[in-house]
Protein backbone atom coordinates (compact mmCIF):
# COMPACT_ATOMS: atom_id res chain seq x y z
CA MET A 1 25.03 6.32 -0.43
CA SER A 2 23.05 3.18 -1.28
CA THR A 3 21.00 2.43 -4.38
CA PHE A 4 18.08 0.18 -5.33
CA VAL A 5 18.34 -1.78 -8.55
CA ILE A 6 14.87 -2.91 -9.62
CA GLU A 7 13.87 -5.28 -12.40
CA GLY A 8 10.31 -4.24 -13.18
CA GLY A 9 7.38 -5.85 -14.91
CA HIS A 10 6.87 -8.80 -12.53
CA GLN A 11 3.59 -9.67 -10.83
CA LEU A 12 3.78 -10.03 -7.06
CA LYS A 13 1.78 -12.34 -4.80
CA GLY A 14 1.34 -12.95 -1.10
CA LYS A 15 0.75 -11.20 2.21
CA ILE A 16 2.46 -8.12 3.55
CA GLN A 17 2.21 -6.79 7.11
CA PRO A 18 2.34 -2.99 7.54
CA GLN A 19 4.91 -1.63 9.97
CA GLY A 20 4.05 0.48 12.99
CA ALA A 21 3.05 4.04 12.17
CA LYS A 22 6.00 6.39 11.69
CA ASN A 23 4.04 9.57 12.40
CA GLU A 24 2.52 8.10 15.56
CA ALA A 25 5.91 6.88 16.78
CA LEU A 26 7.47 10.36 16.60
CA GLN A 27 4.74 11.72 18.91
CA ILE A 28 4.49 8.78 21.31
CA LEU A 29 8.27 8.52 21.84
CA CYS A 30 8.49 12.19 22.83
CA ALA A 31 5.69 11.67 25.38
CA VAL A 32 7.97 9.40 27.46
CA LEU A 33 9.67 12.63 28.64
CA LEU A 34 6.52 13.61 30.55
CA THR A 35 7.03 11.12 33.39
CA ALA A 36 9.79 9.62 35.53
CA GLU A 37 7.97 6.27 35.46
CA GLU A 38 8.59 3.47 32.96
CA ILE A 39 6.66 3.36 29.68
CA THR A 40 6.50 0.28 27.43
CA ILE A 41 5.81 0.78 23.71
CA HIS A 42 5.15 -1.95 21.12
CA ASN A 43 5.12 -2.05 17.30
CA ILE A 44 7.77 0.67 16.94
CA PRO A 45 8.94 0.72 13.30
CA ASP A 46 12.66 0.03 12.71
CA ILE A 47 13.26 3.03 10.44
CA VAL A 48 15.88 5.77 10.26
CA ASP A 49 13.75 8.69 11.56
CA VAL A 50 12.44 6.72 14.55
CA ASN A 51 15.85 5.25 15.40
CA LYS A 52 17.37 8.75 15.31
CA LEU A 53 14.74 9.96 17.78
CA ILE A 54 15.35 6.99 20.09
CA ALA A 55 19.10 7.78 19.99
CA LEU A 56 18.32 11.43 20.77
CA LEU A 57 16.24 10.37 23.80
CA GLY A 58 19.16 8.21 24.94
CA LYS A 59 21.50 11.22 24.82
CA LEU A 60 18.94 13.15 26.87
CA GLY A 61 19.42 10.53 29.59
CA VAL A 62 16.33 8.40 28.98
CA LYS A 63 16.97 4.77 29.97
CA ILE A 64 16.05 2.65 26.94
CA ASN A 65 15.74 -1.13 26.91
CA LYS A 66 14.82 -3.18 23.83
CA ILE A 67 12.66 -6.09 25.01
CA GLY A 68 11.73 -7.59 21.63
CA LYS A 69 11.23 -6.77 17.96
CA GLY A 70 9.62 -3.33 17.89
CA SER A 71 9.15 -3.31 21.69
CA TYR A 72 11.03 -1.03 24.10
CA THR A 73 10.83 0.32 27.62
CA PHE A 74 11.67 3.96 28.34
CA LYS A 75 12.36 5.60 31.69
CA ALA A 76 13.02 9.36 31.83
CA ASP A 77 13.86 9.62 35.53
CA GLU A 78 17.27 11.26 35.05
CA VAL A 79 16.92 13.65 32.11
CA ASN A 80 20.16 15.45 31.17
CA MET A 81 18.93 18.99 30.39
CA ALA A 82 22.52 20.19 29.84
CA TYR A 83 22.62 18.17 26.60
CA LEU A 84 20.01 20.57 25.13
CA GLU A 85 22.54 23.42 25.12
CA SER A 86 25.43 21.39 23.73
CA ALA A 87 26.92 21.63 20.24
CA GLU A 88 26.20 17.91 19.86
CA PHE A 89 22.45 18.46 20.35
CA LYS A 90 22.44 21.32 17.84
CA GLU A 91 23.83 18.88 15.28
CA ASP A 92 21.70 15.86 16.28
CA GLY A 93 18.42 17.78 16.38
CA LYS A 94 18.92 19.35 12.94
CA GLY A 95 18.77 16.00 11.16
CA LEU A 96 15.28 15.03 12.32
CA ARG A 97 11.97 16.81 11.80
CA GLY A 98 10.29 14.92 14.66
CA SER A 99 12.75 16.37 17.20
CA ILE A 100 10.50 19.45 17.48
CA MET A 101 8.09 17.36 19.57
CA ILE A 102 10.49 17.00 22.49
CA VAL A 103 9.94 20.71 23.24
CA GLY A 104 6.37 20.45 24.62
CA PRO A 105 7.09 17.65 27.11
CA LEU A 106 10.37 19.23 28.29
CA LEU A 107 8.74 22.65 28.71
CA ALA A 108 5.84 21.12 30.69
CA ARG A 109 8.00 19.02 33.01
CA PHE A 110 11.24 21.00 33.32
CA GLY A 111 10.25 24.55 32.43
CA LYS A 112 12.34 24.84 29.28
CA GLY A 113 12.75 23.31 25.87
CA TYR A 114 15.19 24.02 23.05
CA ILE A 115 15.50 22.84 19.46
CA PRO A 116 17.65 23.64 16.42
CA LYS A 117 15.79 24.30 13.18
CA PRO A 118 14.77 20.74 12.23
CA GLY A 119 15.54 19.03 8.92
CA GLY A 120 13.55 16.30 7.15
CA ASP A 121 11.94 16.16 3.73
CA LYS A 122 12.72 18.57 0.91
CA ILE A 123 9.04 19.24 0.22
CA GLY A 124 8.77 22.97 0.81
CA ARG A 125 8.32 25.08 3.92
CA ARG A 126 6.97 23.52 7.07
CA ARG A 127 6.27 26.25 9.57
CA LEU A 128 6.85 25.86 13.29
CA ASP A 129 4.73 28.88 14.21
CA THR A 130 1.76 26.78 15.40
CA HIS A 131 3.96 24.97 17.93
CA PHE A 132 5.53 28.09 19.43
CA GLU A 133 2.39 30.23 19.36
CA GLY A 134 0.73 27.46 21.38
CA PHE A 135 3.54 27.48 23.97
CA ILE A 136 3.40 31.30 24.18
CA ASN A 137 -0.38 31.09 24.76
CA LEU A 138 0.35 28.75 27.68
CA GLY A 139 2.64 31.39 29.18
CA ALA A 140 6.08 30.47 27.84
CA LYS A 141 8.67 33.04 26.77
CA PHE A 142 10.04 32.48 23.26
CA ARG A 143 13.53 33.22 22.02
CA TYR A 144 15.27 32.58 18.71
CA ASN A 145 18.99 32.80 17.97
CA ARG A 146 19.24 33.75 14.28
CA GLU A 147 22.95 33.01 14.02
CA ASP A 148 22.64 29.27 14.66
CA HIS A 149 18.86 28.89 14.04
CA PHE A 150 18.20 27.82 17.64
CA TYR A 151 14.72 28.06 19.17
CA GLY A 152 13.88 28.12 22.87
CA VAL A 153 10.87 28.39 25.19
CA GLU A 154 10.94 28.81 28.97
CA ALA A 155 8.28 29.07 31.68
CA LYS A 156 8.25 28.65 35.47
CA LYS A 157 4.72 27.25 35.27
CA LEU A 158 2.47 26.88 32.24
CA LYS A 159 -1.10 28.15 32.64
CA GLY A 160 -4.15 26.72 30.87
CA THR A 161 -5.92 28.91 28.33
CA TYR A 162 -8.21 28.94 25.28
CA MET A 163 -6.52 28.90 21.88
CA LEU A 164 -7.63 28.73 18.27
CA LEU A 165 -4.89 27.16 16.15
CA ASP A 166 -4.06 28.92 12.88
CA GLU A 167 -3.84 25.51 11.19
CA ALA A 168 -4.85 21.97 12.19
CA SER A 169 -1.20 20.91 12.44
CA VAL A 170 -0.79 17.31 13.64
CA THR A 171 2.65 17.79 15.18
CA GLY A 172 1.68 21.25 16.45
CA THR A 173 -1.43 19.89 18.18
CA ALA A 174 0.57 16.98 19.64
CA ASN A 175 3.25 19.30 21.01
CA ILE A 176 0.74 21.70 22.58
CA VAL A 177 -1.28 18.82 24.09
CA MET A 178 1.88 17.38 25.68
CA ALA A 179 2.69 20.80 27.16
CA ALA A 180 -0.88 21.43 28.37
CA VAL A 181 -1.36 18.14 30.26
CA LEU A 182 0.92 19.42 33.06
CA ALA A 183 -0.21 23.07 32.90
CA GLU A 184 -2.12 24.75 35.71
CA GLY A 185 -5.86 24.95 34.96
CA THR A 186 -7.83 24.10 31.83
CA THR A 187 -6.65 24.40 28.23
CA THR A 188 -9.03 24.37 25.28
CA ILE A 189 -7.57 23.80 21.81
CA TYR A 190 -9.91 24.60 18.92
CA ASN A 191 -9.08 23.65 15.30
CA ALA A 192 -7.03 20.82 16.77
CA ALA A 193 -5.86 18.03 14.48
CA CYS A 194 -7.84 14.83 15.04
CA GLU A 195 -5.85 12.19 13.10
CA PRO A 196 -5.92 8.63 14.51
CA TYR A 197 -2.26 9.03 15.56
CA LEU A 198 -3.10 12.10 17.63
CA GLN A 199 -6.06 10.20 19.12
CA GLN A 200 -3.59 7.46 20.06
CA LEU A 201 -1.37 10.01 21.83
CA CYS A 202 -4.34 11.43 23.78
CA LYS A 203 -5.52 7.95 24.82
CA MET A 204 -2.00 7.08 25.99
CA LEU A 205 -1.71 10.33 27.98
CA ASN A 206 -5.09 9.66 29.60
CA ARG A 207 -3.87 6.21 30.66
CA MET A 208 -0.86 8.00 32.21
CA GLY A 209 -3.24 10.16 34.28
CA ALA A 210 -3.95 13.12 31.97
CA LYS A 211 -7.48 14.51 31.68
CA ILE A 212 -8.17 15.09 27.97
CA THR A 213 -11.71 15.17 26.56
CA GLY A 214 -12.95 15.67 23.00
CA VAL A 215 -10.51 13.09 21.62
CA GLY A 216 -11.26 12.53 17.93
CA SER A 217 -12.87 15.97 17.49
CA ASN A 218 -11.32 19.32 16.54
CA MET A 219 -11.84 20.73 20.04
CA LEU A 220 -9.74 19.27 22.84
CA THR A 221 -10.21 20.21 26.49
CA ILE A 222 -7.30 19.46 28.82
CA GLU A 223 -7.53 19.74 32.58
CA GLY A 224 -3.96 20.03 33.85
CA VAL A 225 -2.60 17.52 36.38
CA ASP A 226 0.46 17.65 38.65
CA GLN A 227 2.20 14.56 37.30
CA LEU A 228 1.84 11.58 34.99
CA GLY A 229 2.65 7.91 35.50
CA GLY A 230 3.80 4.98 33.39
CA THR A 231 1.77 2.95 30.89
CA GLU A 232 1.93 0.44 28.05
CA HIS A 233 1.09 1.39 24.45
CA ARG A 234 0.87 -0.27 21.03
CA MET A 235 1.30 1.67 17.78
CA LEU A 236 -1.29 1.53 15.01
CA PRO A 237 -0.20 0.14 11.62
CA ASP A 238 1.15 2.79 9.25
CA MET A 239 -1.72 4.01 7.03
CA ILE A 240 0.73 5.53 4.52
CA GLU A 241 2.43 2.19 4.06
CA ILE A 242 -0.98 0.51 3.66
CA GLY A 243 -1.86 2.98 0.90
CA SER A 244 1.52 2.37 -0.73
CA TRP A 245 0.87 -1.39 -0.89
CA ILE A 246 -2.61 -0.84 -2.39
CA GLY A 247 -0.99 1.27 -5.11
CA LEU A 248 1.78 -1.28 -5.66
CA ALA A 249 -0.73 -4.12 -6.14
CA ALA A 250 -2.73 -2.16 -8.72
CA MET A 251 0.31 -0.92 -10.69
CA THR A 252 1.87 -4.41 -10.94
CA LYS A 253 -1.49 -6.19 -11.56
CA SER A 254 -0.75 -8.29 -8.49
CA GLU A 255 -2.94 -10.09 -5.95
CA LEU A 256 -1.89 -8.91 -2.50
CA THR A 257 -3.30 -9.16 1.01
CA ILE A 258 -2.32 -6.43 3.46
CA THR A 259 -2.78 -7.85 6.96
CA ASN A 260 -3.92 -6.26 10.24
CA VAL A 261 -4.61 -2.80 8.81
CA SER A 262 -6.89 -1.40 11.57
CA TRP A 263 -9.65 -0.67 9.03
CA ASP A 264 -11.56 1.70 11.30
CA ASP A 265 -8.55 4.06 11.39
CA LEU A 266 -8.08 4.28 7.60
CA GLY A 267 -10.70 6.96 7.00
CA LEU A 268 -11.11 7.87 3.31
CA ILE A 269 -8.07 5.93 2.09
CA PRO A 270 -9.88 2.80 0.74
CA ASN A 271 -12.57 4.89 -0.96
CA VAL A 272 -10.11 7.22 -2.71
CA PHE A 273 -8.36 4.20 -4.25
CA ARG A 274 -11.77 2.82 -5.24
CA LYS A 275 -12.45 6.09 -7.09
CA LEU A 276 -9.40 5.28 -9.20
CA GLY A 277 -11.11 1.99 -10.09
CA ILE A 278 -9.09 -0.22 -7.75
CA THR A 279 -10.92 -3.08 -6.01
CA VAL A 280 -10.25 -2.83 -2.26
CA GLU A 281 -11.87 -5.73 -0.40
CA ARG A 282 -12.28 -5.96 3.36
CA GLN A 283 -11.53 -9.40 4.80
CA GLY A 284 -11.79 -9.14 8.59
CA ASP A 285 -9.07 -6.65 9.47
CA ASP A 286 -7.15 -7.35 6.23
CA ILE A 287 -7.27 -5.64 2.84
CA HIS A 288 -7.34 -7.92 -0.21
CA ILE A 289 -6.43 -6.49 -3.62
CA PRO A 290 -7.29 -8.92 -6.44
CA LYS A 291 -5.38 -8.98 -9.74
CA HIS A 292 -6.44 -6.12 -11.98
CA GLU A 293 -5.85 -8.00 -15.24
CA ASP A 294 -8.15 -5.64 -17.16
CA GLY A 295 -6.73 -2.52 -15.50
CA TYR A 296 -8.75 0.02 -13.54
CA GLU A 297 -10.89 2.98 -14.57
CA ILE A 298 -11.06 6.36 -12.83
CA GLN A 299 -14.56 7.48 -11.90
CA ASN A 300 -15.64 10.90 -13.10
CA TYR A 301 -17.96 13.12 -11.07
CA ILE A 302 -21.72 12.71 -11.64
CA ASP A 303 -21.75 15.62 -14.12
CA GLY A 304 -18.92 14.01 -16.11
CA SER A 305 -16.20 16.41 -14.98
CA ILE A 306 -12.68 15.18 -14.16
CA LEU A 307 -12.08 13.64 -10.73
CA THR A 308 -9.99 15.74 -8.33
CA VAL A 309 -8.07 14.08 -5.49
CA SER A 310 -6.84 16.60 -2.93
CA ASP A 311 -5.47 16.56 0.60
CA ALA A 312 -7.20 17.97 3.66
CA PRO A 313 -6.89 17.75 7.45
CA TRP A 314 -8.33 14.52 8.91
CA PRO A 315 -10.86 13.11 8.22
CA GLY A 316 -9.87 14.39 4.77
CA PHE A 317 -7.36 12.53 2.62
CA THR A 318 -3.77 12.52 3.89
CA PRO A 319 -1.21 14.52 1.85
CA ASP A 320 1.35 11.73 2.34
CA LEU A 321 -0.53 9.49 -0.12
CA LEU A 322 -1.02 11.96 -2.97
CA SER A 323 2.27 10.97 -4.62
CA ILE A 324 1.11 7.32 -4.56
CA ILE A 325 -2.25 8.33 -6.10
CA LEU A 326 -0.41 10.22 -8.82
CA VAL A 327 1.77 7.23 -9.77
CA VAL A 328 -1.16 4.79 -9.74
CA ALA A 329 -3.15 7.12 -12.02
CA THR A 330 -0.44 6.93 -14.73
CA GLN A 331 -1.74 3.46 -15.73
CA ALA A 332 -5.45 4.02 -15.13
CA ARG A 333 -8.17 4.45 -17.75
CA GLY A 334 -9.13 8.11 -17.63
CA SER A 335 -7.69 11.27 -16.09
CA VAL A 336 -7.42 12.79 -12.64
CA LEU A 337 -6.35 16.14 -11.19
CA VAL A 338 -4.10 15.74 -8.13
CA HIS A 339 -4.17 18.85 -5.91
CA GLN A 340 -1.47 18.98 -3.22
CA LYS A 341 -2.48 21.92 -1.02
CA MET A 342 -0.10 21.68 1.92
CA PHE A 343 3.43 21.53 0.47
CA GLU A 344 4.51 23.50 -2.56
CA SER A 345 7.40 21.28 -3.72
CA ARG A 346 5.97 17.83 -3.26
CA LEU A 347 4.86 17.34 -6.87
CA PHE A 348 8.20 18.23 -8.43
CA PHE A 349 9.19 14.55 -8.63
CA VAL A 350 6.79 14.10 -11.57
CA ASP A 351 9.59 14.95 -14.02
CA LYS A 352 11.03 11.49 -13.22
CA LEU A 353 7.69 9.87 -14.12
CA ILE A 354 7.49 11.89 -17.33
CA ASP A 355 10.98 10.58 -18.19
CA MET A 356 9.52 7.08 -17.76
CA GLY A 357 6.77 7.86 -20.28
CA ALA A 358 3.93 8.99 -17.98
CA LYS A 359 1.48 11.57 -19.32
CA ILE A 360 1.43 14.26 -16.62
CA ILE A 361 0.85 17.99 -16.93
CA LEU A 362 2.29 19.91 -13.99
CA CYS A 363 -0.15 22.81 -13.80
CA ASP A 364 1.66 24.66 -10.99
CA PRO A 365 3.60 23.70 -7.80
CA HIS A 366 0.37 22.36 -6.24
CA ARG A 367 -1.54 20.68 -9.08
CA ALA A 368 -0.86 17.99 -11.67
CA THR A 369 -3.18 16.41 -14.24
CA VAL A 370 -2.51 12.75 -15.00
CA ILE A 371 -3.73 11.12 -18.23
CA GLY A 372 -3.66 7.37 -17.70
CA HIS A 373 -2.11 4.90 -20.18
CA ASP A 374 -4.54 2.05 -19.34
CA PHE A 375 -1.46 -0.27 -19.47
CA LYS A 376 -1.39 0.15 -23.29
CA SER A 377 2.03 1.70 -22.87
CA THR A 378 4.13 0.57 -19.89
CA LEU A 379 6.46 2.92 -18.05
CA LYS A 380 10.10 2.67 -19.14
CA ALA A 381 12.94 1.87 -16.76
CA THR A 382 15.27 4.73 -15.88
CA THR A 383 17.79 6.04 -13.35
CA MET A 384 16.42 8.44 -10.73
CA THR A 385 17.03 9.97 -7.30
CA SER A 386 14.60 9.91 -4.37
CA PRO A 387 13.82 13.49 -3.22
CA ASP A 388 11.77 12.57 -0.12
CA ILE A 389 10.21 9.57 1.63
CA ARG A 390 6.84 9.47 -0.15
CA ALA A 391 8.09 10.45 -3.62
CA GLY A 392 10.83 7.83 -3.20
CA VAL A 393 8.30 5.05 -2.63
CA SER A 394 6.17 6.33 -5.51
CA LEU A 395 9.19 6.10 -7.82
CA LEU A 396 9.89 2.62 -6.44
CA ILE A 397 6.33 1.52 -7.30
CA ALA A 398 6.75 3.02 -10.78
CA ALA A 399 10.02 1.10 -11.23
CA LEU A 400 8.43 -2.20 -10.12
CA SER A 401 5.74 -1.76 -12.79
CA ALA A 402 8.13 -0.56 -15.53
CA LYS A 403 9.69 -2.61 -18.29
CA GLY A 404 13.43 -3.07 -17.77
CA THR A 405 15.85 -2.36 -14.93
CA SER A 406 15.64 0.91 -12.99
CA THR A 407 18.06 2.43 -10.51
CA ILE A 408 17.01 4.65 -7.59
CA HIS A 409 19.71 6.65 -5.78
CA ASN A 410 19.48 8.37 -2.39
CA ILE A 411 17.38 5.52 -0.97
CA GLU A 412 18.28 6.70 2.53
CA GLN A 413 15.21 8.93 2.08
CA ILE A 414 13.05 5.81 1.61
CA ASP A 415 14.70 4.09 4.60
CA ARG A 416 13.65 7.07 6.75
CA GLY A 417 10.03 5.91 6.52
CA TYR A 418 9.88 2.27 5.38
CA GLU A 419 11.25 -0.67 7.36
CA ASN A 420 13.44 -3.18 5.42
CA ILE A 421 11.40 -2.40 2.32
CA ASP A 422 13.62 -4.37 -0.09
CA GLU A 423 13.47 -7.57 2.02
CA ARG A 424 9.70 -7.31 2.43
CA LEU A 425 9.17 -6.73 -1.29
CA ARG A 426 11.42 -9.69 -2.22
CA ALA A 427 9.26 -11.88 0.04
CA ILE A 428 6.26 -11.22 -2.25
CA GLY A 429 8.22 -11.73 -5.47
CA ALA A 430 9.78 -8.36 -6.31
CA LYS A 431 13.15 -8.27 -8.09
CA ILE A 432 14.90 -5.61 -6.03
CA GLU A 433 18.48 -5.40 -4.77
CA ARG A 434 20.18 -2.95 -2.45
CA VAL A 435 23.63 -1.93 -3.66
CA SER A 436 25.86 -0.17 -1.13
CA GLY A 437 27.77 2.89 -2.31
CA ASN A 438 31.20 4.06 -1.32
């Protein structure tokens, strides 16, 4: 178990390049199973969750070749389906939430897909119903072994149909789309997720020969094809990391430039930070955050009532950045209500911030009110443990702004989503060291 030791209270300066998008990578990598032809993917982030999925694909028999930093070729022409029923797979699949998305491609191409109950963040329940209800709608038979929590779907041939998803699940939509592209006939998915990462998946599948229309809307129409071919694809930059760096700049009163952010795919993210009083400047395809020497002031609503920042399906604000918003608000002028609708345990990390001196009222598992200090009282250094990827980075930002030396344990959670974060932070002036445990 490794630990970060952080000396806070230092201003940072320079440029930082966001990594490739984690949530896009988990979808795109599973899509390589849909064809026997070679697929080349660029800008793959070097993070634990993605590397675990690449290793899992290797054990499935996918031929993987690293051709440069973040660039790989994949060829799934000899998939080992026997691995899916092995004890090794039951163990490997449990440790990675994204492993659920191998099921759709395998079901579409080979007629069956299995998965152990996936792991991932400790942020409350994450249902898999949307995925499996979609497969059942396409004609698959579902089975579940309660003893070892093993799910399976099988079908001789999937058949296109109309379906209305019970929730606009990003991974659920991705999985169903990957199954439907090889189904017989036409599939219509209403209440589909329309995040940029899902749009990227659909565009890649269309380049491979799929026939998907409605990309970017909440209704996708998929005309099934017999087979797909190879292609080349480049990941978008990670919007969650971009939001994290905006928050870091504001909290440490630093001047930072975040480069190559793909502005048009950021949606509401810049504006939500602006509502907290943070200056977010567009410079070409870069974001420039000037020094906030005089702090930043939260905007109230027109009638004077307290600002609420809440998550919603795209184009609403992403839930993955609410923990960053919450931390940034601790030093703002004014108050904000943070409403986390999707996951009932994601706000429980606020007790660590309260220990550091933040003024936060946890209203219930989904809502927290933050009363900002306006930098009149800095956060105090402390020792803490990272509960999940996003809360871990939020605590890291808090520690970098705090007075004194903080320690963060269980940083493997942070490594799951952020590539070489300590090295990249040191390059812009952060005092952070990684200490290996026993």
